[in-house]
Protein backbone atom coordinates (compact mmCIF):
# COMPACT_ATOMS: atom_id res chain seq x y z
CA MET A 1 -25.08 111.26 72.07
CA ARG A 2 -24.01 114.75 70.93
CA ILE A 3 -24.52 117.66 73.29
CA THR A 4 -24.35 121.30 72.11
CA ILE A 5 -24.44 123.92 74.81
CA ILE A 6 -25.37 127.33 73.42
CA SER A 7 -24.64 130.17 75.80
CA VAL A 8 -24.67 133.91 75.73
CA GLY A 9 -21.32 135.46 76.57
CA LYS A 10 -17.64 134.64 76.16
CA TRP A 11 -15.50 132.75 78.65
CA ARG A 12 -12.97 134.66 80.75
CA ARG A 13 -10.16 132.34 81.84
CA GLY A 14 -10.72 131.13 85.38
CA PRO A 15 -12.24 128.51 87.69
CA ASN A 16 -15.66 128.29 86.06
CA GLN A 17 -14.04 127.44 82.75
CA ASP A 18 -11.67 124.98 84.39
CA LEU A 19 -14.56 123.24 86.12
CA PHE A 20 -16.61 123.09 82.88
CA ASN A 21 -13.65 121.57 81.06
CA THR A 22 -13.00 119.00 83.85
CA TYR A 23 -16.53 117.61 83.60
CA THR A 24 -16.98 117.74 79.93
CA LYS A 25 -13.70 115.89 79.32
CA ARG A 26 -14.93 113.01 81.53
CA LEU A 27 -17.97 112.46 79.29
CA SER A 28 -17.96 109.87 76.59
CA TRP A 29 -20.51 112.06 74.84
CA GLU A 30 -19.40 114.59 72.34
CA VAL A 31 -19.81 118.10 73.86
CA ARG A 32 -19.39 121.36 72.14
CA LEU A 33 -19.84 124.89 73.45
CA LEU A 34 -21.13 127.64 71.15
CA GLU A 35 -20.79 131.06 72.54
CA ILE A 36 -23.14 133.78 71.35
CA GLN A 37 -22.00 137.35 71.64
CA GLU A 38 -23.90 139.36 74.21
CA GLY A 39 -26.35 141.81 72.67
CA ALA A 40 -25.22 145.39 72.05
CA LYS A 41 -25.99 148.17 74.39
CA LEU A 42 -29.70 148.19 73.70
CA GLN A 43 -32.87 148.19 75.77
CA VAL A 44 -33.31 144.95 77.63
CA SER A 45 -36.21 143.77 75.36
CA GLN A 46 -34.19 144.54 72.22
CA ARG A 47 -31.13 142.80 73.65
CA LYS A 48 -33.07 139.71 74.59
CA ASN A 49 -34.65 139.64 71.04
CA GLN A 50 -31.19 140.00 69.42
CA GLU A 51 -29.65 137.25 71.57
CA GLY A 52 -32.68 135.05 71.00
CA ILE A 53 -32.33 135.23 67.22
CA LYS A 54 -28.71 134.14 67.54
CA LEU A 55 -29.41 131.37 70.00
CA ILE A 56 -32.21 129.89 67.83
CA SER A 57 -30.08 130.09 64.71
CA ALA A 58 -27.25 128.20 66.44
CA LEU A 59 -29.49 125.19 67.20
CA PRO A 60 -28.39 121.96 65.49
CA ASP A 61 -30.90 120.39 63.17
CA LYS A 62 -33.31 117.88 64.79
CA ALA A 63 -31.89 118.61 68.22
CA LYS A 64 -33.95 118.04 71.35
CA VAL A 65 -33.88 121.52 72.94
CA VAL A 66 -33.47 122.04 76.64
CA VAL A 67 -33.65 125.68 77.73
CA LEU A 68 -32.28 126.55 81.17
CA ASP A 69 -34.47 129.06 82.89
CA GLN A 70 -35.38 129.78 86.49
CA SER A 71 -39.08 129.28 85.71
CA GLY A 72 -38.42 125.75 84.39
CA LYS A 73 -39.04 122.35 85.85
CA ALA A 74 -36.69 121.27 88.62
CA PHE A 75 -35.43 117.65 88.53
CA THR A 76 -33.40 115.57 90.92
CA SER A 77 -30.16 114.37 89.36
CA VAL A 78 -31.71 110.85 88.96
CA GLU A 79 -34.74 112.28 87.19
CA PHE A 80 -32.48 114.35 84.92
CA ALA A 81 -30.49 111.20 84.08
CA ASP A 82 -33.74 109.29 83.41
CA ASN A 83 -34.71 112.05 80.89
CA LEU A 84 -31.38 111.80 79.08
CA ARG A 85 -31.62 107.99 79.10
CA ASN A 86 -35.15 108.02 77.74
CA TRP A 87 -34.27 110.42 74.91
CA ARG A 88 -31.22 108.31 74.05
CA ASP A 89 -33.36 105.17 74.00
CA ILE A 90 -35.96 106.64 71.73
CA GLY A 91 -33.33 107.72 69.22
CA ASP A 92 -32.74 111.32 70.11
CA ARG A 93 -28.94 111.63 69.53
CA GLU A 94 -28.61 115.36 69.40
CA LEU A 95 -29.33 117.49 72.50
CA ALA A 96 -28.96 121.27 72.68
CA PHE A 97 -28.93 123.18 75.94
CA ILE A 98 -29.54 126.92 75.86
CA ILE A 99 -28.17 129.25 78.61
CA GLY A 100 -29.24 132.90 78.31
CA GLY A 101 -27.51 136.03 79.19
CA ALA A 102 -27.81 138.31 82.23
CA ASP A 103 -31.25 139.56 81.19
CA GLY A 104 -32.76 136.16 80.57
CA LEU A 105 -34.28 134.75 77.49
CA HIS A 106 -36.69 136.02 74.86
CA ARG A 107 -40.05 134.21 74.80
CA ASN A 108 -39.21 132.92 71.27
CA VAL A 109 -36.30 130.90 72.74
CA LEU A 110 -38.59 129.45 75.50
CA GLU A 111 -41.20 128.50 72.81
CA LYS A 112 -38.46 126.37 70.99
CA ALA A 113 -37.87 124.26 74.09
CA ASN A 114 -38.82 120.60 74.37
CA LEU A 115 -38.01 121.09 78.02
CA ILE A 116 -37.48 124.12 80.15
CA LEU A 117 -35.15 123.09 82.95
CA SER A 118 -34.40 124.87 86.18
CA LEU A 119 -31.16 124.17 87.97
CA SER A 120 -32.45 126.16 90.89
CA SER A 121 -35.06 128.82 91.80
CA MET A 122 -32.14 131.03 92.76
CA THR A 123 -30.33 133.25 90.24
CA TRP A 124 -26.84 132.17 89.17
CA PRO A 125 -24.22 133.86 86.97
CA HIS A 126 -24.60 132.43 83.47
CA MET A 127 -20.93 131.50 83.30
CA LEU A 128 -21.23 129.48 86.50
CA VAL A 129 -24.38 127.81 85.05
CA ARG A 130 -22.20 126.27 82.28
CA ALA A 131 -20.06 124.58 84.96
CA MET A 132 -23.15 123.48 86.90
CA LEU A 133 -24.69 121.96 83.80
CA ALA A 134 -21.45 120.20 82.85
CA GLU A 135 -21.35 118.64 86.31
CA GLN A 136 -24.97 117.50 86.07
CA LEU A 137 -24.32 115.99 82.68
CA TRP A 138 -21.38 114.09 84.06
CA ARG A 139 -23.46 112.98 87.03
CA ALA A 140 -26.23 111.88 84.72
CA ALA A 141 -23.84 109.83 82.62
CA SER A 142 -22.49 108.31 85.90
CA ILE A 143 -26.04 107.35 86.94
CA ILE A 144 -26.90 105.91 83.48
CA ASN A 145 -23.63 103.89 83.49
CA ASN A 146 -23.76 102.79 87.15
CA HIS A 147 -20.52 104.65 87.82
CA PRO A 148 -19.83 105.31 91.61
CA TYR A 149 -19.54 109.11 91.20
CA HIS A 150 -23.22 109.61 92.14
CA ARG A 151 -23.99 108.34 95.59
CA LEU A 152 -27.43 108.35 97.25
């Protein structure tokens, strides 16, 4: 399975990046991170539109699209793993996860989603969300492969 994480903003060296790298290196799945430049100093609606166009254009062809948004569906780690397993089993080999910027996502991005996923009803810094997603991907892979990382 190939996973593309498309996220607004550029890494700044630090613990969030280290944590992201720690978990993605553990995965047997190919993971790539595409960083979209934050929108220029525009009004929020214009910036979200500009970022949305870039996010959508970065989507891999035929990818199952998962958009991370506070309004999305919350899963347990096991339910998330079940979704990934089911997609894999029906032949979906390309997954794309979209993480918006500080102002959220344009509605056009949400409309592209096969799934809108919420990691929490709380608001998190989008750079931290990258690390949180990487950990949940590793946890899901562990669940799928009966690895002892995930304990009930």
